[in-house]
Amino acid sequence: TMLRSVKVRIYPTRAQQDYLRGQFGAVRFCYNKAIYIKEHQYKFHGQSLSTIHDIKPFISVAKKSRKYAWLKNYDAISLQEAVRNADKAWTGFFKQGRGYPKFKNRHQDQSSYHCTAVSCGENWVKIPKMDRIKAKIHRPIEGKVKSFTLSLTTTGKYYAAILFEDGKPEVEQIKTLEEDEITGADRGLKTLIVTSNGDMIDNPRYLKKAQKNLKRKQKKLSRTQKGSRRREKARRLVAKAHERVRHQREDYLHKASRQLADENQAVVVENLAIENMLKNHKLAQSISDAGWGKFVVMLAYKLKRQGKILVKIDRFYPSSKTCSHCGHKLEELGLQVRAWTCPACMTAHDRDINAAINIRKQGIVKLKAEGLSVSARGGCVRHCESSATADEPRSLCFQAGV
């Protein structure tokens, strides 16, 4: 059966807000303590502690002490999950090359995980050791509720991410695909997405548009005194401005990914190393503003729910500087060059459309290599059959990119 997740806004009372802030504080305390203990033991004793056998038992011991007895007031599962998350962060640094784990503080987004004694209704949610919390559930939740993840944003808004099992079987993946329903998608900055069909999805650049407003509010924040009420008020205004940009971007990416997922059986993209690309300080802000990574995540789960396929090709494939008509490869092609003419076949190319066509070609090759059936049917084949000549064979049709 399929697992689905819905994020809803919750409206706790003043007393419930106080409890939730305590819950978030307990989770934050356990996470930071776990990081500190693992760091101390490794630095001074050269030992790598086990989360299950060495650190988790500390929570039970702490609850029995006078100093940390307050931990008993909060959900034990969420505290254990915090320790597990600390171990993931520590392991990710050593084995996956991620950043060094940082201590959490109360000024960041807060969250806590709950998986036992959780339930929800038409307008409420329930977690352990608390009464029902008013909620705005905008989508029906049909099936067994598995877990909640409560969160508090820097703007003071509370949310609950509800994970539930809908009881429906997973949609079987498509085994036979039509070539005219496979699309290559090239991600860019000037245009967010260019498809192999020539369709373009604009890049709205929400962060760039909000820079003037953000600059004014950040200046006002910098002039306030630390610890004052005015500083807290100014900080929240800055956070709200950033939140608005994030919501605009997510809404746009949801609509763009939905369009591609509904119109195609498979979508082919490049497996870009976005984290490495963000090290280029001239392009980092523009890349983050475009939301390349989030777009692919949204597209992946939307396709999977319909039994469709997301194909990722090698990031080192020279899609931009390879002629999609004859296969000639240029030695160099600068980022400033947006259109070029192939010196071998004299075909004029738009850089992004040409890259999308090449990406689509490689995706079809990968799909066939994985044993899937890709049949050539549709308007492109009819065009090729009617216009193919000795100089322009059907297999090199520029319009279809196959």
Protein backbone atom coordinates (compact mmCIF):
# COMPACT_ATOMS: atom_id res chain seq x y z
CA THR A 1 0.00 0.00 0.00
CA MET A 2 1.06 3.57 -0.59
CA LEU A 3 2.21 5.95 2.10
CA ARG A 4 1.05 9.54 1.69
CA SER A 5 1.83 12.69 3.59
CA VAL A 6 -0.23 15.83 4.13
CA LYS A 7 1.06 18.95 5.85
CA VAL A 8 -1.66 20.89 7.67
CA ARG A 9 -1.74 24.08 9.71
CA ILE A 10 -2.55 23.64 13.40
CA TYR A 11 -3.77 26.25 15.88
CA PRO A 12 -2.78 25.34 19.45
CA THR A 13 -4.12 27.30 22.40
CA ARG A 14 -1.80 29.36 24.58
CA ALA A 15 -1.38 26.46 27.04
CA GLN A 16 -0.77 24.02 24.19
CA GLN A 17 1.79 26.39 22.67
CA ASP A 18 3.69 26.44 25.97
CA TYR A 19 3.71 22.64 26.06
CA LEU A 20 4.81 22.33 22.43
CA ARG A 21 7.65 24.77 22.98
CA GLY A 22 8.74 22.60 25.89
CA GLN A 23 8.46 19.52 23.66
CA PHE A 24 10.63 21.16 21.01
CA GLY A 25 13.10 22.19 23.69
CA ALA A 26 13.36 18.62 25.00
CA VAL A 27 13.96 17.29 21.47
CA ARG A 28 16.57 19.97 20.87
CA PHE A 29 18.26 19.17 24.20
CA CYS A 30 18.53 15.43 23.41
CA TYR A 31 19.87 16.14 19.91
CA ASN A 32 22.53 18.55 21.16
CA LYS A 33 23.55 16.26 24.04
CA ALA A 34 23.94 13.32 21.67
CA ILE A 35 26.16 15.38 19.37
CA TYR A 36 28.21 16.61 22.32
CA ILE A 37 28.71 13.13 23.79
CA LYS A 38 29.73 11.57 20.45
CA GLU A 39 32.07 14.50 19.74
CA HIS A 40 33.68 14.39 23.20
CA GLN A 41 34.25 10.63 23.17
CA TYR A 42 35.71 10.68 19.68
CA LYS A 43 37.93 13.71 20.28
CA PHE A 44 39.41 12.72 23.65
CA HIS A 45 39.10 8.93 23.70
CA GLY A 46 38.96 7.95 20.03
CA GLN A 47 35.72 6.03 20.56
CA SER A 48 32.72 5.97 18.24
CA LEU A 49 29.66 5.42 20.41
CA SER A 50 26.68 3.38 19.28
CA THR A 51 23.36 5.22 19.29
CA ILE A 52 21.30 2.22 20.37
CA HIS A 53 23.62 0.69 22.99
CA ASP A 54 25.47 3.74 24.34
CA ILE A 55 23.46 6.95 23.93
CA LYS A 56 19.78 5.98 23.99
CA PRO A 57 20.05 4.49 27.53
CA PHE A 58 21.20 7.92 28.74
CA ILE A 59 17.64 9.23 28.21
CA SER A 60 16.20 6.75 30.71
CA VAL A 61 18.98 7.52 33.20
CA ALA A 62 18.47 11.27 32.80
CA LYS A 63 14.73 10.99 33.50
CA LYS A 64 15.49 9.39 36.89
CA SER A 65 17.85 12.19 37.93
CA ARG A 66 16.76 15.38 39.67
CA LYS A 67 18.39 17.65 37.09
CA TYR A 68 16.74 16.18 34.01
CA ALA A 69 13.51 14.79 35.48
CA TRP A 70 11.57 17.33 33.37
CA LEU A 71 12.17 15.11 30.31
CA LYS A 72 9.47 12.75 31.64
CA ASN A 73 6.81 15.30 30.73
CA TYR A 74 7.36 14.81 26.99
CA ASP A 75 6.97 12.06 24.40
CA ALA A 76 9.71 9.45 24.83
CA ILE A 77 9.59 8.37 21.16
CA SER A 78 10.32 11.89 19.94
CA LEU A 79 13.34 12.11 22.27
CA GLN A 80 14.70 8.80 20.97
CA GLU A 81 14.15 9.97 17.39
CA ALA A 82 16.16 13.11 18.15
CA VAL A 83 19.10 10.96 19.24
CA ARG A 84 18.73 8.86 16.09
CA ASN A 85 18.77 12.02 13.96
CA ALA A 86 21.95 13.14 15.71
CA ASP A 87 23.55 9.82 14.82
CA LYS A 88 22.48 10.25 11.16
CA ALA A 89 24.06 13.70 11.08
CA TRP A 90 27.28 12.38 12.61
CA THR A 91 27.42 9.41 10.23
CA GLY A 92 26.66 11.63 7.25
CA PHE A 93 29.69 13.77 8.01
CA PHE A 94 32.13 10.84 8.11
CA LYS A 95 30.68 8.53 5.45
CA GLN A 96 28.79 10.76 3.01
CA GLY A 97 30.85 13.94 3.04
CA ARG A 98 28.13 16.15 4.50
CA GLY A 99 28.73 19.19 6.70
CA TYR A 100 29.83 18.84 10.31
CA PRO A 101 26.81 18.49 12.66
CA LYS A 102 25.75 21.77 14.25
CA PHE A 103 23.98 22.33 17.53
CA LYS A 104 20.34 23.37 17.22
CA ASN A 105 19.04 26.54 18.83
CA ARG A 106 15.58 27.87 19.63
CA HIS A 107 15.71 30.57 16.93
CA GLN A 108 15.59 27.99 14.10
CA ASP A 109 12.65 25.97 12.82
CA GLN A 110 11.64 23.40 15.46
CA SER A 111 10.16 19.92 15.01
CA SER A 112 9.32 16.75 16.89
CA TYR A 113 8.36 13.27 15.67
CA HIS A 114 5.47 11.22 17.10
CA CYS A 115 4.44 7.73 16.01
CA THR A 116 2.42 6.26 18.92
CA ALA A 117 -1.00 7.27 20.26
CA VAL A 118 -1.53 9.68 17.36
CA SER A 119 -4.86 10.33 15.64
CA CYS A 120 -6.73 13.00 13.73
CA GLY A 121 -10.28 14.02 12.85
CA GLU A 122 -12.03 16.49 10.60
CA ASN A 123 -10.57 19.52 12.38
CA TRP A 124 -8.14 18.25 15.01
CA VAL A 125 -4.98 16.24 15.63
CA LYS A 126 -3.91 14.37 18.75
CA ILE A 127 -0.41 13.53 20.02
CA PRO A 128 0.71 11.85 23.27
CA LYS A 129 0.34 13.75 26.56
CA MET A 130 -1.75 16.51 24.99
CA ASP A 131 -5.39 17.28 24.33
CA ARG A 132 -6.69 17.65 20.81
CA ILE A 133 -5.17 20.48 18.78
CA LYS A 134 -7.34 22.45 16.39
CA ALA A 135 -6.24 21.91 12.78
CA LYS A 136 -7.19 22.98 9.26
CA ILE A 137 -7.20 19.66 7.42
CA HIS A 138 -7.68 20.65 3.79
CA ARG A 139 -7.43 17.14 2.31
CA PRO A 140 -9.23 13.97 3.43
CA ILE A 141 -7.05 11.54 5.36
CA GLU A 142 -8.38 8.09 4.58
CA GLY A 143 -6.51 5.17 6.05
CA LYS A 144 -4.27 4.35 8.98
CA VAL A 145 -2.30 7.24 10.47
CA LYS A 146 1.33 6.21 10.94
CA SER A 147 3.03 9.26 12.44
CA PHE A 148 2.98 13.01 12.98
CA THR A 149 5.82 15.48 12.67
CA LEU A 150 4.95 18.73 14.42
CA SER A 151 6.91 21.83 13.47
CA LEU A 152 7.21 25.48 14.43
CA THR A 153 8.49 27.96 11.86
CA THR A 154 10.57 31.05 12.59
CA THR A 155 7.44 33.13 11.91
CA GLY A 156 5.58 31.44 14.79
CA LYS A 157 3.30 29.15 12.72
CA TYR A 158 2.60 25.58 13.77
CA TYR A 159 2.23 22.70 11.32
CA ALA A 160 1.65 18.94 11.44
CA ALA A 161 2.92 16.63 8.70
CA ILE A 162 0.61 13.59 8.78
CA LEU A 163 1.95 10.34 7.35
CA PHE A 164 -0.79 7.81 6.63
CA GLU A 165 -1.36 4.56 4.78
CA ASP A 166 -4.22 4.99 2.32
CA GLY A 167 -4.90 1.25 1.95
CA LYS A 168 -4.67 1.39 -1.85
CA PRO A 169 -2.10 -0.70 -3.73
CA GLU A 170 0.82 1.06 -5.37
CA VAL A 171 0.33 1.87 -9.02
CA GLU A 172 2.33 -0.55 -11.15
CA GLN A 173 5.11 1.03 -13.16
CA ILE A 174 4.51 1.42 -16.88
CA LYS A 175 6.33 -1.28 -18.88
CA THR A 176 5.62 -0.07 -22.41
CA LEU A 177 6.25 3.57 -23.28
CA GLU A 178 5.58 5.67 -26.35
CA GLU A 179 8.48 7.74 -27.64
CA ASP A 180 6.29 10.79 -28.18
CA GLU A 181 5.34 10.70 -24.47
CA ILE A 182 8.95 10.78 -23.25
CA THR A 183 10.26 14.29 -22.62
CA GLY A 184 13.74 15.58 -21.90
CA ALA A 185 13.90 18.52 -19.47
CA ASP A 186 16.90 20.82 -19.28
CA ARG A 187 17.12 22.98 -16.16
CA GLY A 188 18.44 26.51 -16.44
CA LEU A 189 18.50 29.96 -14.87
CA LYS A 190 17.25 32.20 -17.65
CA THR A 191 14.42 29.70 -18.23
CA LEU A 192 13.64 27.27 -15.44
CA ILE A 193 12.77 24.29 -17.68
CA VAL A 194 13.15 23.77 -21.41
CA THR A 195 11.67 20.56 -22.80
CA SER A 196 12.69 18.59 -25.87
CA ASN A 197 9.38 19.66 -27.47
CA GLY A 198 10.48 23.28 -27.31
CA ASP A 199 8.15 24.21 -24.44
CA MET A 200 9.59 26.60 -21.86
CA ILE A 201 8.71 27.15 -18.22
CA ASP A 202 9.81 30.58 -17.08
CA ASN A 203 11.98 31.20 -14.04
CA PRO A 204 10.01 33.68 -11.87
CA ARG A 205 13.05 34.63 -9.70
CA TYR A 206 10.99 35.30 -6.58
CA LEU A 207 13.99 35.96 -4.35
CA LYS A 208 15.43 38.53 -6.75
CA LYS A 209 12.08 40.33 -6.90
CA ALA A 210 11.91 40.45 -3.10
CA GLN A 211 15.47 41.76 -2.61
CA LYS A 212 14.43 45.40 -2.19
CA ASN A 213 11.88 44.53 0.50
CA LEU A 214 14.29 42.14 2.23
CA LYS A 215 17.11 44.67 2.20
CA ARG A 216 14.97 47.30 3.87
CA LYS A 217 13.76 44.94 6.60
CA GLN A 218 17.20 43.48 7.23
CA LYS A 219 18.65 46.96 7.65
CA LYS A 220 15.97 47.73 10.19
CA LEU A 221 16.81 44.49 12.03
CA SER A 222 20.52 45.35 12.13
CA ARG A 223 19.77 48.67 13.86
CA THR A 224 17.87 47.11 16.77
CA GLN A 225 19.40 46.16 20.09
CA LYS A 226 19.99 42.47 20.77
CA GLY A 227 17.49 40.96 23.19
CA SER A 228 14.97 43.77 22.76
CA ARG A 229 11.33 43.39 21.78
CA ARG A 230 11.84 45.56 18.72
CA ARG A 231 14.55 43.21 17.52
CA GLU A 232 12.24 40.22 17.88
CA LYS A 233 9.53 42.07 15.96
CA ALA A 234 11.99 43.04 13.20
CA ARG A 235 13.37 39.49 13.05
CA ARG A 236 9.88 38.10 12.54
CA LEU A 237 9.20 40.53 9.70
CA VAL A 238 12.37 39.35 7.94
CA ALA A 239 11.36 35.74 8.50
CA LYS A 240 7.89 36.40 7.06
CA ALA A 241 9.41 37.96 3.94
CA HIS A 242 11.60 34.88 3.40
CA GLU A 243 8.64 32.60 4.10
CA ARG A 244 6.57 34.36 1.45
CA VAL A 245 9.33 33.82 -1.12
CA ARG A 246 9.58 30.14 -0.19
CA HIS A 247 5.82 29.62 -0.49
CA GLN A 248 5.71 31.35 -3.87
CA ARG A 249 8.56 29.19 -5.16
CA GLU A 250 7.06 25.93 -3.86
CA ASP A 251 3.66 26.73 -5.34
CA TYR A 252 5.21 27.46 -8.74
CA LEU A 253 7.35 24.29 -8.67
CA HIS A 254 4.33 22.17 -7.71
CA LYS A 255 2.37 23.46 -10.70
CA ALA A 256 5.30 23.05 -13.11
CA SER A 257 6.06 19.49 -11.96
CA ARG A 258 2.37 18.57 -12.07
CA GLN A 259 2.15 19.73 -15.68
CA LEU A 260 5.12 17.62 -16.75
CA ALA A 261 3.95 14.57 -14.78
CA ASP A 262 0.44 14.64 -16.27
CA GLU A 263 1.53 15.14 -19.88
CA ASN A 264 4.28 12.48 -20.13
CA GLN A 265 4.93 8.82 -19.38
CA ALA A 266 8.59 9.49 -18.58
CA VAL A 267 10.64 12.61 -17.95
CA VAL A 268 14.41 12.64 -18.40
CA VAL A 269 16.65 15.03 -16.43
CA GLU A 270 20.36 15.37 -15.72
CA ASN A 271 21.66 14.18 -12.36
CA LEU A 272 23.25 17.49 -11.44
CA ALA A 273 25.60 17.91 -8.45
CA ILE A 274 23.75 20.95 -7.11
CA GLU A 275 25.73 21.10 -3.85
CA ASN A 276 28.95 21.46 -5.83
CA MET A 277 27.40 24.03 -8.15
CA LEU A 278 26.44 26.16 -5.16
CA LYS A 279 30.14 26.65 -4.43
CA ASN A 280 30.21 29.04 -7.38
CA HIS A 281 29.39 32.25 -5.51
CA LYS A 282 28.41 34.08 -8.70
CA LEU A 283 25.59 31.62 -9.43
CA ALA A 284 24.77 30.20 -5.99
CA GLN A 285 21.91 32.57 -5.18
CA SER A 286 20.32 32.18 -8.62
CA ILE A 287 20.54 28.38 -8.44
CA SER A 288 18.98 28.35 -4.96
CA ASP A 289 16.26 30.73 -6.10
CA ALA A 290 15.39 28.43 -9.04
CA GLY A 291 14.88 25.40 -6.75
CA TRP A 292 16.34 22.78 -9.11
CA GLY A 293 16.64 20.09 -6.46
CA LYS A 294 13.15 20.57 -5.03
CA PHE A 295 11.67 20.51 -8.53
CA VAL A 296 13.13 17.06 -9.23
CA VAL A 297 11.93 15.74 -5.85
CA MET A 298 8.38 16.94 -6.57
CA LEU A 299 8.48 15.56 -10.10
CA ALA A 300 9.75 12.17 -8.89
CA TYR A 301 6.93 11.44 -6.45
CA LYS A 302 4.23 12.81 -8.78
CA LEU A 303 5.41 10.48 -11.55
CA LYS A 304 5.72 7.50 -9.19
CA ARG A 305 2.14 7.90 -7.96
CA GLN A 306 0.93 7.48 -11.55
CA GLY A 307 3.24 4.57 -12.36
CA LYS A 308 5.38 6.80 -14.56
CA ILE A 309 9.16 7.08 -14.63
CA LEU A 310 11.77 9.71 -13.84
CA VAL A 311 15.05 9.00 -15.63
CA LYS A 312 18.32 10.58 -14.50
CA ILE A 313 21.25 10.57 -16.91
CA ASP A 314 24.94 11.09 -16.21
CA ARG A 315 25.76 14.68 -15.29
CA PHE A 316 28.94 14.56 -17.37
CA TYR A 317 27.12 13.85 -20.62
CA PRO A 318 27.84 16.86 -22.95
CA SER A 319 24.20 17.61 -23.77
CA SER A 320 24.70 21.30 -24.56
CA LYS A 321 27.68 21.04 -26.92
CA THR A 322 26.58 17.94 -28.85
CA CYS A 323 24.63 18.46 -32.06
CA SER A 324 21.26 16.73 -31.73
CA HIS A 325 21.05 16.41 -35.55
CA CYS A 326 24.36 14.77 -36.51
CA GLY A 327 26.07 14.05 -33.16
CA HIS A 328 29.04 16.37 -33.70
CA LYS A 329 30.60 17.49 -30.41
CA LEU A 330 32.10 20.94 -29.87
CA GLU A 331 35.33 21.26 -27.92
CA GLU A 332 34.19 24.33 -25.97
CA LEU A 333 30.87 26.15 -25.44
CA GLY A 334 30.80 29.05 -22.98
CA LEU A 335 27.81 29.77 -20.75
CA GLN A 336 27.25 33.09 -22.50
CA VAL A 337 26.59 31.34 -25.84
CA ARG A 338 22.84 30.77 -26.07
CA ALA A 339 22.67 29.76 -29.76
CA TRP A 340 25.19 28.11 -32.06
CA THR A 341 25.49 26.51 -35.50
CA CYS A 342 26.92 23.02 -35.95
CA PRO A 343 30.07 23.21 -38.12
CA ALA A 344 29.46 19.68 -39.44
CA CYS A 345 25.84 19.81 -40.65
CA MET A 346 25.22 23.60 -40.42
CA THR A 347 22.12 23.11 -38.24
CA ALA A 348 21.22 26.13 -36.09
CA HIS A 349 20.60 25.25 -32.45
CA ASP A 350 19.08 26.95 -29.47
CA ARG A 351 21.40 25.89 -26.65
CA ASP A 352 18.70 24.81 -24.19
CA ILE A 353 16.40 23.05 -26.67
CA ASN A 354 19.36 21.19 -28.15
CA ALA A 355 20.41 20.06 -24.67
CA ALA A 356 16.87 18.90 -23.85
CA ILE A 357 16.71 16.84 -27.07
CA ASN A 358 20.04 15.18 -26.27
CA ILE A 359 18.90 14.50 -22.71
CA ARG A 360 15.77 12.83 -24.09
CA LYS A 361 17.85 10.65 -26.42
CA GLN A 362 20.05 9.44 -23.58
CA GLY A 363 16.99 8.78 -21.45
CA ILE A 364 15.46 6.56 -24.12
CA VAL A 365 18.74 4.63 -24.38
CA LYS A 366 18.75 4.14 -20.60
CA LEU A 367 15.12 3.00 -20.54
CA LYS A 368 15.83 0.38 -23.23
CA ALA A 369 18.95 -0.76 -21.37
CA GLU A 370 16.79 -1.39 -18.29
CA GLY A 371 14.59 -3.74 -20.32
CA LEU A 372 11.58 -1.46 -20.86
CA SER A 373 9.77 -1.39 -24.17
CA VAL A 374 9.87 1.96 -26.00
CA SER A 375 7.75 2.00 -29.15
CA ALA A 376 8.07 4.63 -31.89
CA ARG A 377 4.57 5.88 -32.50
CA GLY A 378 2.91 9.28 -32.93
CA GLY A 379 3.13 12.45 -34.98
CA CYS A 380 6.93 12.47 -35.17
CA VAL A 381 7.09 9.08 -36.87
CA ARG A 382 4.46 10.12 -39.40
CA HIS A 383 6.45 13.30 -40.09
CA CYS A 384 9.63 11.29 -40.62
CA GLU A 385 7.95 8.77 -42.92
CA SER A 386 6.59 11.56 -45.12
CA SER A 387 9.67 13.76 -45.24
CA ALA A 388 12.61 11.36 -44.82
CA THR A 389 15.19 11.53 -47.57
CA ALA A 390 18.64 10.14 -48.18
CA ASP A 391 20.10 13.30 -46.64
CA GLU A 392 17.70 13.30 -43.66
CA PRO A 393 17.03 9.76 -42.46
CA ARG A 394 14.16 9.13 -40.05
CA SER A 395 16.47 8.25 -37.15
CA LEU A 396 17.92 11.76 -37.17
CA CYS A 397 14.67 13.73 -37.10
CA PHE A 398 15.51 17.07 -35.47
CA GLN A 399 11.95 17.92 -34.48
CA ALA A 400 11.47 14.76 -32.46
CA GLY A 401 15.02 14.40 -31.18
CA VAL A 402 15.10 10.61 -31.72
